[in-house]
Amino acid sequence: MTTAAPPRTQPPRTATLASALNRALRDALREDPAVHILGEDVGTLGGVFRITDGLAAEFGADRCLDTPLAEAGILGTAVGMAMYGLRPVVEMQFDAFAYPAFEQLVSHVARMRNRTAGRMPLPITVRIPYGGGIGGVEHHSDSSEAYYAHTPGLHVVTPATVADGYGLLRAAIASDDPVVFLEPKRLYWSKDDWSAEAPAPVEPIGRAVVRRQGTSATLLTYGPSLPVCLEAAEAARAEGWDLSVVDLRSLAPFDDETVAAAVRSTGRAVVVHESSGFAGVGAEIAARVTERCFHHLAAPVLRVAGFDIPYPPPMLEQHHLPGVDRILDAVAKLQWEQ
């Protein structure tokens, strides 16, 4: 679903991803009385990352409500609210805090439309701050997207730009299907030119965007790894490589059309993400690209991912997270000698 946006009448101003998310929630609350926000500390405190700052004061504690520290109960409550016609937006405080709610998500949220033959969709948005790069300890830095993307019945999206933060969140809340909305924590305070009064329209859920055109190879990435890939693409110019960068944005549904076209145009591809490589989203992407682009590929599709370990302590996370050097090392292995 595309979020309608009014024509831009004012010059853009600098905004952060966090402020764009806050504005998206505020506008959704203002425009639709069915929208309710619930989660741990989302009310008076405004959330750990202040994404719900000021919303309880403006809309009341019954529209932006604090909950007990019981994630399964939070999501179970949202299921009941949605069944009675509301449009709940749940905040899970940190990525790994969402695991106690996984049973509700997989057994009920994802299945209700199919279980009722389409008579009862659940318009629930589950916001989850995820990923590393902030010096958090375990349970605060997981990249759990593979669990959700593997679950039929869920849409899984992750913004990497300020404009997408607003546009994708509005689209998620407006969707009649449940959406897992993964927010890269380390990008919360990233800035871009963006106007809250006239937000630029963005591509809908299910579409990827080519953020950088190139001719040598294609980097496929999403969420917190997008800025890293763009930095790597600039650094690659010194090696004579002109890299294309695709921001996937939506992991489910997946935009095979844009991805395949980008890979076919260069003949080489590297998938980059923070989560563990084994059985991760990158493995699925590499398989899909190989199936659709085999005769256009000059080299196997490679992956740069987090290591297959529990998330490391803060002092070691820079070694765990994909960086520019690891990405360029992978690009160098794309059989350029042919």
C-alpha atoms as a PDB file:
ATOM      1  CA  MET A   1       0.000   0.000   0.000  1.00  0.00           C
ATOM      2  CA  THR A   2       1.413   3.365  -0.960  1.00  0.00           C
ATOM      3  CA  THR A   3       1.161   6.151   1.550  1.00  0.00           C
ATOM      4  CA  ALA A   4      -0.462   9.165   0.009  1.00  0.00           C
ATOM      5  CA  ALA A   5       1.513  12.320   0.508  1.00  0.00           C
ATOM      6  CA  PRO A   6       0.532  15.900  -0.195  1.00  0.00           C
ATOM      7  CA  PRO A   7       2.549  17.815  -2.769  1.00  0.00           C
ATOM      8  CA  ARG A   8       5.703  19.375  -1.346  1.00  0.00           C
ATOM      9  CA  THR A   9       5.097  23.064  -0.690  1.00  0.00           C
ATOM     10  CA  GLN A  10       8.031  23.831   1.605  1.00  0.00           C
ATOM     11  CA  PRO A  11      11.759  23.202   1.246  1.00  0.00           C
ATOM     12  CA  PRO A  12      12.977  20.075   3.076  1.00  0.00           C
ATOM     13  CA  ARG A  13      14.462  20.432   6.528  1.00  0.00           C
ATOM     14  CA  THR A  14      16.926  18.177   8.249  1.00  0.00           C
ATOM     15  CA  ALA A  15      15.292  15.376  10.211  1.00  0.00           C
ATOM     16  CA  THR A  16      16.376  12.195  11.938  1.00  0.00           C
ATOM     17  CA  LEU A  17      14.981   8.717  11.396  1.00  0.00           C
ATOM     18  CA  ALA A  18      13.704   8.832  14.990  1.00  0.00           C
ATOM     19  CA  SER A  19      11.800  12.065  14.398  1.00  0.00           C
ATOM     20  CA  ALA A  20      10.290  10.726  11.167  1.00  0.00           C
ATOM     21  CA  LEU A  21       9.058   7.605  12.975  1.00  0.00           C
ATOM     22  CA  ASN A  22       7.588   9.753  15.738  1.00  0.00           C
ATOM     23  CA  ARG A  23       5.830  11.908  13.145  1.00  0.00           C
ATOM     24  CA  ALA A  24       4.445   8.839  11.386  1.00  0.00           C
ATOM     25  CA  LEU A  25       2.931   7.590  14.638  1.00  0.00           C
ATOM     26  CA  ARG A  26       1.556  11.031  15.461  1.00  0.00           C
ATOM     27  CA  ASP A  27      -0.064  11.432  12.041  1.00  0.00           C
ATOM     28  CA  ALA A  28      -1.538   7.919  12.191  1.00  0.00           C
ATOM     29  CA  LEU A  29      -3.024   8.581  15.642  1.00  0.00           C
ATOM     30  CA  ARG A  30      -4.440  11.896  14.463  1.00  0.00           C
ATOM     31  CA  GLU A  31      -6.007  10.545  11.279  1.00  0.00           C
ATOM     32  CA  ASP A  32      -7.398   7.225  12.503  1.00  0.00           C
ATOM     33  CA  PRO A  33      -9.060   6.798  15.928  1.00  0.00           C
ATOM     34  CA  ALA A  34      -8.607   3.031  15.597  1.00  0.00           C
ATOM     35  CA  VAL A  35      -4.827   3.378  15.921  1.00  0.00           C
ATOM     36  CA  HIS A  36      -3.503   2.617  19.405  1.00  0.00           C
ATOM     37  CA  ILE A  37       0.094   2.269  20.600  1.00  0.00           C
ATOM     38  CA  LEU A  38       1.123  -0.085  23.365  1.00  0.00           C
ATOM     39  CA  GLY A  39       4.387  -1.293  24.819  1.00  0.00           C
ATOM     40  CA  GLU A  40       6.867  -1.006  27.645  1.00  0.00           C
ATOM     41  CA  ASP A  41       7.554   2.637  28.588  1.00  0.00           C
ATOM     42  CA  VAL A  42       5.956   4.016  25.409  1.00  0.00           C
ATOM     43  CA  GLY A  43       3.691   6.357  27.401  1.00  0.00           C
ATOM     44  CA  THR A  44       5.131   8.810  29.898  1.00  0.00           C
ATOM     45  CA  LEU A  45       8.761   8.038  29.031  1.00  0.00           C
ATOM     46  CA  GLY A  46       8.207   8.074  25.275  1.00  0.00           C
ATOM     47  CA  GLY A  47      10.058   4.803  24.747  1.00  0.00           C
ATOM     48  CA  VAL A  48      13.688   3.896  25.363  1.00  0.00           C
ATOM     49  CA  PHE A  49      14.625   5.552  22.073  1.00  0.00           C
ATOM     50  CA  ARG A  50      11.964   8.303  22.449  1.00  0.00           C
ATOM     51  CA  ILE A  51      10.141   7.219  19.292  1.00  0.00           C
ATOM     52  CA  THR A  52       6.789   7.724  21.052  1.00  0.00           C
ATOM     53  CA  ASP A  53       7.873  10.918  22.787  1.00  0.00           C
ATOM     54  CA  GLY A  54       4.940  13.234  23.502  1.00  0.00           C
ATOM     55  CA  LEU A  55       2.253  10.949  22.064  1.00  0.00           C
ATOM     56  CA  ALA A  56       0.658   9.987  25.386  1.00  0.00           C
ATOM     57  CA  ALA A  57       0.485  13.631  26.389  1.00  0.00           C
ATOM     58  CA  GLU A  58      -1.140  14.600  23.092  1.00  0.00           C
ATOM     59  CA  PHE A  59      -3.496  11.684  22.569  1.00  0.00           C
ATOM     60  CA  GLY A  60      -4.018  10.345  26.085  1.00  0.00           C
ATOM     61  CA  ALA A  61      -2.932   7.248  27.939  1.00  0.00           C
ATOM     62  CA  ASP A  62      -5.692   5.164  26.361  1.00  0.00           C
ATOM     63  CA  ARG A  63      -4.257   5.753  22.854  1.00  0.00           C
ATOM     64  CA  CYS A  64      -0.568   5.375  23.865  1.00  0.00           C
ATOM     65  CA  LEU A  65      -0.462   3.038  26.805  1.00  0.00           C
ATOM     66  CA  ASP A  66       2.264   1.594  28.980  1.00  0.00           C
ATOM     67  CA  THR A  67       2.155  -2.143  29.522  1.00  0.00           C
ATOM     68  CA  PRO A  68       3.680  -4.577  32.008  1.00  0.00           C
ATOM     69  CA  LEU A  69       7.012  -6.185  31.115  1.00  0.00           C
ATOM     70  CA  ALA A  70       5.304  -9.138  29.439  1.00  0.00           C
ATOM     71  CA  GLU A  71       5.865  -9.250  25.690  1.00  0.00           C
ATOM     72  CA  ALA A  72       3.616 -12.251  25.022  1.00  0.00           C
ATOM     73  CA  GLY A  73       0.855 -10.453  26.905  1.00  0.00           C
ATOM     74  CA  ILE A  74       1.440  -7.247  24.930  1.00  0.00           C
ATOM     75  CA  LEU A  75       1.083  -8.979  21.585  1.00  0.00           C
ATOM     76  CA  GLY A  76      -1.779 -11.162  22.786  1.00  0.00           C
ATOM     77  CA  THR A  77      -3.596  -7.999  23.838  1.00  0.00           C
ATOM     78  CA  ALA A  78      -2.943  -6.523  20.402  1.00  0.00           C
ATOM     79  CA  VAL A  79      -4.515  -9.595  18.796  1.00  0.00           C
ATOM     80  CA  GLY A  80      -7.667  -9.056  20.799  1.00  0.00           C
ATOM     81  CA  MET A  81      -7.699  -5.339  20.000  1.00  0.00           C
ATOM     82  CA  ALA A  82      -7.360  -6.040  16.279  1.00  0.00           C
ATOM     83  CA  MET A  83     -10.127  -8.642  16.375  1.00  0.00           C
ATOM     84  CA  TYR A  84     -12.414  -5.971  17.804  1.00  0.00           C
ATOM     85  CA  GLY A  85     -11.633  -3.483  15.034  1.00  0.00           C
ATOM     86  CA  LEU A  86      -8.696  -1.508  16.387  1.00  0.00           C
ATOM     87  CA  ARG A  87      -5.368  -1.013  14.633  1.00  0.00           C
ATOM     88  CA  PRO A  88      -2.716  -1.589  17.309  1.00  0.00           C
ATOM     89  CA  VAL A  89       0.937  -0.608  16.984  1.00  0.00           C
ATOM     90  CA  VAL A  90       3.112  -2.630  19.339  1.00  0.00           C
ATOM     91  CA  GLU A  91       6.609  -1.607  20.400  1.00  0.00           C
ATOM     92  CA  MET A  92       8.990  -4.339  21.489  1.00  0.00           C
ATOM     93  CA  GLN A  93      11.651  -2.502  23.465  1.00  0.00           C
ATOM     94  CA  PHE A  94      14.624  -4.399  21.999  1.00  0.00           C
ATOM     95  CA  ASP A  95      15.017  -7.074  19.336  1.00  0.00           C
ATOM     96  CA  ALA A  96      15.609 -10.056  21.585  1.00  0.00           C
ATOM     97  CA  PHE A  97      12.896  -8.893  23.984  1.00  0.00           C
ATOM     98  CA  ALA A  98      10.429  -9.897  21.264  1.00  0.00           C
ATOM     99  CA  TYR A  99      11.211 -13.593  21.561  1.00  0.00           C
ATOM    100  CA  PRO A 100       8.723 -14.269  24.402  1.00  0.00           C
ATOM    101  CA  ALA A 101       6.029 -12.932  22.031  1.00  0.00           C
ATOM    102  CA  PHE A 102       7.137 -15.174  19.167  1.00  0.00           C
ATOM    103  CA  GLU A 103       4.498 -17.797  19.864  1.00  0.00           C
ATOM    104  CA  GLN A 104       1.724 -15.206  19.630  1.00  0.00           C
ATOM    105  CA  LEU A 105       3.219 -13.880  16.410  1.00  0.00           C
ATOM    106  CA  VAL A 106       3.681 -17.211  14.670  1.00  0.00           C
ATOM    107  CA  SER A 107       0.682 -19.110  16.016  1.00  0.00           C
ATOM    108  CA  HIS A 108      -1.950 -16.371  15.866  1.00  0.00           C
ATOM    109  CA  VAL A 109      -0.934 -13.047  14.285  1.00  0.00           C
ATOM    110  CA  ALA A 110       0.503 -14.627  11.139  1.00  0.00           C
ATOM    111  CA  ARG A 111      -2.231 -17.243  10.738  1.00  0.00           C
ATOM    112  CA  MET A 112      -5.492 -15.488  11.568  1.00  0.00           C
ATOM    113  CA  ARG A 113      -6.350 -14.367   8.027  1.00  0.00           C
ATOM    114  CA  ASN A 114      -5.774 -17.880   6.647  1.00  0.00           C
ATOM    115  CA  ARG A 115      -7.438 -19.515   9.657  1.00  0.00           C
ATOM    116  CA  THR A 116     -10.632 -17.513   9.091  1.00  0.00           C
ATOM    117  CA  ALA A 117     -10.622 -17.820   5.280  1.00  0.00           C
ATOM    118  CA  GLY A 118      -9.899 -14.128   4.975  1.00  0.00           C
ATOM    119  CA  ARG A 119     -12.722 -12.976   7.252  1.00  0.00           C
ATOM    120  CA  MET A 120     -10.500 -11.700  10.045  1.00  0.00           C
ATOM    121  CA  PRO A 121      -7.230 -10.013   9.035  1.00  0.00           C
ATOM    122  CA  LEU A 122      -5.167  -8.614  11.870  1.00  0.00           C
ATOM    123  CA  PRO A 123      -3.929  -5.072  11.119  1.00  0.00           C
ATOM    124  CA  ILE A 124      -1.131  -5.140  13.699  1.00  0.00           C
ATOM    125  CA  THR A 125       2.194  -3.350  13.353  1.00  0.00           C
ATOM    126  CA  VAL A 126       4.991  -4.758  15.502  1.00  0.00           C
ATOM    127  CA  ARG A 127       7.816  -2.247  15.807  1.00  0.00           C
ATOM    128  CA  ILE A 128      11.138  -3.811  16.805  1.00  0.00           C
ATOM    129  CA  PRO A 129      14.390  -1.830  17.274  1.00  0.00           C
ATOM    130  CA  TYR A 130      17.036  -4.227  15.957  1.00  0.00           C
ATOM    131  CA  GLY A 131      20.673  -4.680  15.027  1.00  0.00           C
ATOM    132  CA  GLY A 132      23.990  -3.692  16.566  1.00  0.00           C
ATOM    133  CA  GLY A 133      26.342  -0.766  16.423  1.00  0.00           C
ATOM    134  CA  ILE A 134      25.262   0.953  19.641  1.00  0.00           C
ATOM    135  CA  GLY A 135      27.477  -0.911  22.095  1.00  0.00           C
ATOM    136  CA  GLY A 136      24.609  -2.943  23.503  1.00  0.00           C
ATOM    137  CA  VAL A 137      25.020  -6.275  25.212  1.00  0.00           C
ATOM    138  CA  GLU A 138      23.284  -9.495  24.172  1.00  0.00           C
ATOM    139  CA  HIS A 139      19.478  -9.308  23.905  1.00  0.00           C
ATOM    140  CA  HIS A 140      19.963  -5.678  22.777  1.00  0.00           C
ATOM    141  CA  SER A 141      21.686  -6.105  19.401  1.00  0.00           C
ATOM    142  CA  ASP A 142      20.135  -9.110  17.651  1.00  0.00           C
ATOM    143  CA  SER A 143      19.210  -9.162  13.979  1.00  0.00           C
ATOM    144  CA  SER A 144      16.183 -11.436  14.065  1.00  0.00           C
ATOM    145  CA  GLU A 145      14.695 -10.775  10.632  1.00  0.00           C
ATOM    146  CA  ALA A 146      15.135 -14.345   9.392  1.00  0.00           C
ATOM    147  CA  TYR A 147      12.688 -15.675  12.003  1.00  0.00           C
ATOM    148  CA  TYR A 148       9.971 -13.320  10.791  1.00  0.00           C
ATOM    149  CA  ALA A 149      10.692 -13.477   7.064  1.00  0.00           C
ATOM    150  CA  HIS A 150      10.445 -17.284   7.284  1.00  0.00           C
ATOM    151  CA  THR A 151       6.920 -17.058   8.725  1.00  0.00           C
ATOM    152  CA  PRO A 152       4.135 -17.021   6.100  1.00  0.00           C
ATOM    153  CA  GLY A 153       1.475 -14.426   6.825  1.00  0.00           C
ATOM    154  CA  LEU A 154       3.827 -11.677   7.978  1.00  0.00           C
ATOM    155  CA  HIS A 155       5.137  -8.704   6.081  1.00  0.00           C
ATOM    156  CA  VAL A 156       8.671  -7.757   7.139  1.00  0.00           C
ATOM    157  CA  VAL A 157      10.094  -4.337   6.328  1.00  0.00           C
ATOM    158  CA  THR A 158      13.068  -2.301   7.494  1.00  0.00           C
ATOM    159  CA  PRO A 159      13.719   1.356   6.648  1.00  0.00           C
ATOM    160  CA  ALA A 160      17.222   2.710   6.167  1.00  0.00           C
ATOM    161  CA  THR A 161      16.393   6.314   5.281  1.00  0.00           C
ATOM    162  CA  VAL A 162      14.461   9.095   6.975  1.00  0.00           C
ATOM    163  CA  ALA A 163      11.876   9.206   4.195  1.00  0.00           C
ATOM    164  CA  ASP A 164      11.341   5.456   4.367  1.00  0.00           C
ATOM    165  CA  GLY A 165      11.022   5.648   8.144  1.00  0.00           C
ATOM    166  CA  TYR A 166       7.932   7.789   7.734  1.00  0.00           C
ATOM    167  CA  GLY A 167       6.524   6.313   4.557  1.00  0.00           C
ATOM    168  CA  LEU A 168       6.968   2.631   5.376  1.00  0.00           C
ATOM    169  CA  LEU A 169       5.618   3.038   8.913  1.00  0.00           C
ATOM    170  CA  ARG A 170       2.500   4.818   7.634  1.00  0.00           C
ATOM    171  CA  ALA A 171       2.054   2.032   5.084  1.00  0.00           C
ATOM    172  CA  ALA A 172       2.543  -0.625   7.761  1.00  0.00           C
ATOM    173  CA  ILE A 173      -0.068   0.893  10.054  1.00  0.00           C
ATOM    174  CA  ALA A 174      -2.508   1.295   7.151  1.00  0.00           C
ATOM    175  CA  SER A 175      -2.011  -2.318   6.051  1.00  0.00           C
ATOM    176  CA  ASP A 176      -4.730  -4.831   6.885  1.00  0.00           C
ATOM    177  CA  ASP A 177      -2.061  -7.510   7.236  1.00  0.00           C
ATOM    178  CA  PRO A 178       0.379  -7.798  10.152  1.00  0.00           C
ATOM    179  CA  VAL A 179       3.700  -6.073   9.578  1.00  0.00           C
ATOM    180  CA  VAL A 180       6.932  -6.628  11.491  1.00  0.00           C
ATOM    181  CA  PHE A 181       8.614  -3.239  11.296  1.00  0.00           C
ATOM    182  CA  LEU A 182      12.334  -3.558  12.033  1.00  0.00           C
ATOM    183  CA  GLU A 183      13.987  -0.267  13.027  1.00  0.00           C
ATOM    184  CA  PRO A 184      17.817  -0.114  12.787  1.00  0.00           C
ATOM    185  CA  LYS A 185      18.835   1.258  16.157  1.00  0.00           C
ATOM    186  CA  ARG A 186      22.125   2.695  14.996  1.00  0.00           C
ATOM    187  CA  LEU A 187      20.323   4.731  12.331  1.00  0.00           C
ATOM    188  CA  TYR A 188      17.830   6.353  14.713  1.00  0.00           C
ATOM    189  CA  TRP A 189      19.871   9.553  14.796  1.00  0.00           C
ATOM    190  CA  SER A 190      20.945   9.516  11.147  1.00  0.00           C
ATOM    191  CA  LYS A 191      19.884  12.699   9.355  1.00  0.00           C
ATOM    192  CA  ASP A 192      18.580  13.644   5.959  1.00  0.00           C
ATOM    193  CA  ASP A 193      16.705  16.441   4.251  1.00  0.00           C
ATOM    194  CA  TRP A 194      13.030  15.714   4.904  1.00  0.00           C
ATOM    195  CA  SER A 195       9.923  17.731   5.548  1.00  0.00           C
ATOM    196  CA  ALA A 196       7.388  16.545   8.110  1.00  0.00           C
ATOM    197  CA  GLU A 197       4.855  18.961   6.657  1.00  0.00           C
ATOM    198  CA  ALA A 198       5.224  17.575   3.139  1.00  0.00           C
ATOM    199  CA  PRO A 199       6.801  14.110   3.397  1.00  0.00           C
ATOM    200  CA  ALA A 200       8.179  12.815   0.143  1.00  0.00           C
ATOM    201  CA  PRO A 201       6.318   9.766  -1.210  1.00  0.00           C
ATOM    202  CA  VAL A 202       8.225   6.478  -1.071  1.00  0.00           C
ATOM    203  CA  GLU A 203       7.946   3.153  -2.808  1.00  0.00           C
ATOM    204  CA  PRO A 204       5.337   0.832  -1.245  1.00  0.00           C
ATOM    205  CA  ILE A 205       5.958  -2.240   0.881  1.00  0.00           C
ATOM    206  CA  GLY A 206       7.267  -4.997  -1.371  1.00  0.00           C
ATOM    207  CA  ARG A 207       9.494  -2.812  -3.522  1.00  0.00           C
ATOM    208  CA  ALA A 208      13.276  -2.442  -3.404  1.00  0.00           C
ATOM    209  CA  VAL A 209      15.098   0.739  -4.449  1.00  0.00           C
ATOM    210  CA  VAL A 210      18.423   1.142  -6.252  1.00  0.00           C
ATOM    211  CA  ARG A 211      20.251   3.688  -4.081  1.00  0.00           C
ATOM    212  CA  ARG A 212      23.396   3.792  -6.231  1.00  0.00           C
ATOM    213  CA  GLN A 213      23.794   2.878  -9.880  1.00  0.00           C
ATOM    214  CA  GLY A 214      26.939   0.987 -10.878  1.00  0.00           C
ATOM    215  CA  THR A 215      28.301  -1.239 -13.603  1.00  0.00           C
ATOM    216  CA  SER A 216      30.824  -3.605 -11.950  1.00  0.00           C
ATOM    217  CA  ALA A 217      28.863  -5.506  -9.275  1.00  0.00           C
ATOM    218  CA  THR A 218      25.708  -5.179  -7.172  1.00  0.00           C
ATOM    219  CA  LEU A 219      25.525  -4.954  -3.379  1.00  0.00           C
ATOM    220  CA  LEU A 220      22.175  -6.192  -2.030  1.00  0.00           C
ATOM    221  CA  THR A 221      21.455  -4.976   1.479  1.00  0.00           C
ATOM    222  CA  TYR A 222      18.922  -3.479   3.869  1.00  0.00           C
ATOM    223  CA  GLY A 223      18.494  -1.639   7.153  1.00  0.00           C
ATOM    224  CA  PRO A 224      21.645  -0.821   9.120  1.00  0.00           C
ATOM    225  CA  SER A 225      23.991  -2.145   6.418  1.00  0.00           C
ATOM    226  CA  LEU A 226      22.851   0.308   3.738  1.00  0.00           C
ATOM    227  CA  PRO A 227      25.136   3.204   4.801  1.00  0.00           C
ATOM    228  CA  VAL A 228      28.036   0.751   5.096  1.00  0.00           C
ATOM    229  CA  CYS A 229      27.455  -0.498   1.566  1.00  0.00           C
ATOM    230  CA  LEU A 230      27.227   3.035   0.187  1.00  0.00           C
ATOM    231  CA  GLU A 231      30.522   3.851   1.904  1.00  0.00           C
ATOM    232  CA  ALA A 232      32.047   0.684   0.468  1.00  0.00           C
ATOM    233  CA  ALA A 233      30.826   1.626  -3.003  1.00  0.00           C
ATOM    234  CA  GLU A 234      32.600   4.971  -2.770  1.00  0.00           C
ATOM    235  CA  ALA A 235      35.775   3.305  -1.476  1.00  0.00           C
ATOM    236  CA  ALA A 236      35.597   0.767  -4.309  1.00  0.00           C
ATOM    237  CA  ARG A 237      36.191   3.487  -6.880  1.00  0.00           C
ATOM    238  CA  ALA A 238      39.848   3.519  -5.847  1.00  0.00           C
ATOM    239  CA  GLU A 239      40.024  -0.131  -6.932  1.00  0.00           C
ATOM    240  CA  GLY A 240      38.365   0.581 -10.264  1.00  0.00           C
ATOM    241  CA  TRP A 241      34.988  -0.944  -9.306  1.00  0.00           C
ATOM    242  CA  ASP A 242      31.735   0.889  -9.922  1.00  0.00           C
ATOM    243  CA  LEU A 243      29.275  -0.754  -7.509  1.00  0.00           C
ATOM    244  CA  SER A 244      25.504  -0.656  -7.604  1.00  0.00           C
ATOM    245  CA  VAL A 245      23.707  -0.660  -4.219  1.00  0.00           C
ATOM    246  CA  VAL A 246      20.162  -1.972  -3.794  1.00  0.00           C
ATOM    247  CA  ASP A 247      18.179  -1.188  -0.639  1.00  0.00           C
ATOM    248  CA  LEU A 248      15.801  -4.146  -0.255  1.00  0.00           C
ATOM    249  CA  ARG A 249      13.506  -2.320   2.245  1.00  0.00           C
ATOM    250  CA  SER A 250      10.982  -5.163   2.245  1.00  0.00           C
ATOM    251  CA  LEU A 251      12.122  -8.706   3.041  1.00  0.00           C
ATOM    252  CA  ALA A 252       8.601 -10.143   2.794  1.00  0.00           C
ATOM    253  CA  PRO A 253       7.182  -9.664   0.260  1.00  0.00           C
ATOM    254  CA  PHE A 254      10.460  -9.686  -1.657  1.00  0.00           C
ATOM    255  CA  ASP A 255      11.057  -7.633  -4.795  1.00  0.00           C
ATOM    256  CA  ASP A 256      12.561 -10.206  -7.145  1.00  0.00           C
ATOM    257  CA  GLU A 257      11.999  -7.949 -10.167  1.00  0.00           C
ATOM    258  CA  THR A 258      14.188  -5.050  -9.028  1.00  0.00           C
ATOM    259  CA  VAL A 259      16.853  -7.303  -7.523  1.00  0.00           C
ATOM    260  CA  ALA A 260      17.150  -9.524 -10.581  1.00  0.00           C
ATOM    261  CA  ALA A 261      17.331  -6.539 -12.933  1.00  0.00           C
ATOM    262  CA  ALA A 262      20.088  -4.945 -10.844  1.00  0.00           C
ATOM    263  CA  VAL A 263      22.144  -8.141 -10.712  1.00  0.00           C
ATOM    264  CA  ARG A 264      21.715  -8.888 -14.416  1.00  0.00           C
ATOM    265  CA  SER A 265      23.003  -5.408 -15.253  1.00  0.00           C
ATOM    266  CA  THR A 266      26.334  -6.073 -13.519  1.00  0.00           C
ATOM    267  CA  GLY A 267      26.693  -9.878 -13.537  1.00  0.00           C
ATOM    268  CA  ARG A 268      28.092 -10.016 -10.012  1.00  0.00           C
ATOM    269  CA  ALA A 269      26.437  -9.712  -6.599  1.00  0.00           C
ATOM    270  CA  VAL A 270      27.235  -9.613  -2.888  1.00  0.00           C
ATOM    271  CA  VAL A 271      24.551  -9.790  -0.182  1.00  0.00           C
ATOM    272  CA  VAL A 272      25.336  -7.832   2.981  1.00  0.00           C
ATOM    273  CA  HIS A 273      23.533  -8.012   6.334  1.00  0.00           C
ATOM    274  CA  GLU A 274      24.320  -7.981  10.044  1.00  0.00           C
ATOM    275  CA  SER A 275      22.537 -11.187  11.022  1.00  0.00           C
ATOM    276  CA  SER A 276      24.302 -14.528  11.073  1.00  0.00           C
ATOM    277  CA  GLY A 277      25.094 -15.983   7.686  1.00  0.00           C
ATOM    278  CA  PHE A 278      24.003 -19.588   8.234  1.00  0.00           C
ATOM    279  CA  ALA A 279      20.370 -20.024   7.134  1.00  0.00           C
ATOM    280  CA  GLY A 280      19.990 -16.263   7.112  1.00  0.00           C
ATOM    281  CA  VAL A 281      18.102 -13.937   4.793  1.00  0.00           C
ATOM    282  CA  GLY A 282      21.226 -13.655   2.650  1.00  0.00           C
ATOM    283  CA  ALA A 283      21.117 -17.375   1.885  1.00  0.00           C
ATOM    284  CA  GLU A 284      17.575 -17.043   0.554  1.00  0.00           C
ATOM    285  CA  ILE A 285      18.505 -13.983  -1.493  1.00  0.00           C
ATOM    286  CA  ALA A 286      21.565 -15.696  -2.970  1.00  0.00           C
ATOM    287  CA  ALA A 287      19.411 -18.679  -3.947  1.00  0.00           C
ATOM    288  CA  ARG A 288      16.732 -16.506  -5.562  1.00  0.00           C
ATOM    289  CA  VAL A 289      19.317 -14.481  -7.476  1.00  0.00           C
ATOM    290  CA  THR A 290      21.045 -17.631  -8.695  1.00  0.00           C
ATOM    291  CA  GLU A 291      17.754 -19.164  -9.818  1.00  0.00           C
ATOM    292  CA  ARG A 292      16.725 -16.046 -11.745  1.00  0.00           C
ATOM    293  CA  CYS A 293      20.079 -14.731 -12.998  1.00  0.00           C
ATOM    294  CA  PHE A 294      22.234 -17.833 -13.474  1.00  0.00           C
ATOM    295  CA  HIS A 295      23.055 -17.204 -17.128  1.00  0.00           C
ATOM    296  CA  HIS A 296      23.948 -13.561 -16.392  1.00  0.00           C
ATOM    297  CA  LEU A 297      26.349 -14.286 -13.519  1.00  0.00           C
ATOM    298  CA  ALA A 298      30.109 -14.072 -13.986  1.00  0.00           C
ATOM    299  CA  ALA A 299      30.738 -15.344 -10.434  1.00  0.00           C
ATOM    300  CA  PRO A 300      28.867 -17.051  -7.584  1.00  0.00           C
ATOM    301  CA  VAL A 301      26.768 -14.786  -5.373  1.00  0.00           C
ATOM    302  CA  LEU A 302      28.707 -14.093  -2.172  1.00  0.00           C
ATOM    303  CA  ARG A 303      27.553 -13.060   1.288  1.00  0.00           C
ATOM    304  CA  VAL A 304      29.023 -10.767   3.948  1.00  0.00           C
ATOM    305  CA  ALA A 305      27.215 -11.300   7.239  1.00  0.00           C
ATOM    306  CA  GLY A 306      27.558 -11.419  10.985  1.00  0.00           C
ATOM    307  CA  PHE A 307      29.407 -14.422  12.305  1.00  0.00           C
ATOM    308  CA  ASP A 308      27.518 -17.542  13.410  1.00  0.00           C
ATOM    309  CA  ILE A 309      27.873 -16.727  17.100  1.00  0.00           C
ATOM    310  CA  PRO A 310      25.760 -15.148  19.841  1.00  0.00           C
ATOM    311  CA  TYR A 311      26.109 -11.368  19.657  1.00  0.00           C
ATOM    312  CA  PRO A 312      29.556 -10.417  21.011  1.00  0.00           C
ATOM    313  CA  PRO A 313      30.381  -7.923  23.778  1.00  0.00           C
ATOM    314  CA  PRO A 314      30.462  -4.231  22.784  1.00  0.00           C
ATOM    315  CA  MET A 315      34.272  -4.077  22.543  1.00  0.00           C
ATOM    316  CA  LEU A 316      34.226  -6.741  19.819  1.00  0.00           C
ATOM    317  CA  GLU A 317      31.164  -5.843  17.792  1.00  0.00           C
ATOM    318  CA  GLN A 318      33.116  -3.881  15.170  1.00  0.00           C
ATOM    319  CA  HIS A 319      34.704  -7.195  14.153  1.00  0.00           C
ATOM    320  CA  HIS A 320      31.325  -8.940  14.011  1.00  0.00           C
ATOM    321  CA  LEU A 321      29.450  -6.376  11.958  1.00  0.00           C
ATOM    322  CA  PRO A 322      30.053  -6.211   8.184  1.00  0.00           C
ATOM    323  CA  GLY A 323      32.363  -3.301   7.424  1.00  0.00           C
ATOM    324  CA  VAL A 324      33.808  -1.659   4.346  1.00  0.00           C
ATOM    325  CA  ASP A 325      36.932  -3.855   4.304  1.00  0.00           C
ATOM    326  CA  ARG A 326      34.981  -7.133   4.503  1.00  0.00           C
ATOM    327  CA  ILE A 327      32.654  -5.977   1.732  1.00  0.00           C
ATOM    328  CA  LEU A 328      35.556  -5.002  -0.542  1.00  0.00           C
ATOM    329  CA  ASP A 329      37.273  -8.318   0.206  1.00  0.00           C
ATOM    330  CA  ALA A 330      34.129 -10.097  -1.016  1.00  0.00           C
ATOM    331  CA  VAL A 331      33.949  -7.926  -4.138  1.00  0.00           C
ATOM    332  CA  ALA A 332      37.574  -8.808  -4.871  1.00  0.00           C
ATOM    333  CA  LYS A 333      36.618 -12.509  -4.912  1.00  0.00           C
ATOM    334  CA  LEU A 334      34.039 -12.115  -7.701  1.00  0.00           C
ATOM    335  CA  GLN A 335      36.275 -13.748 -10.316  1.00  0.00           C
ATOM    336  CA  TRP A 336      37.462 -10.604 -12.050  1.00  0.00           C
ATOM    337  CA  GLU A 337      40.167 -12.514 -13.878  1.00  0.00           C
ATOM    338  CA  GLN A 338      37.650 -13.918 -16.388  1.00  0.00           C
END
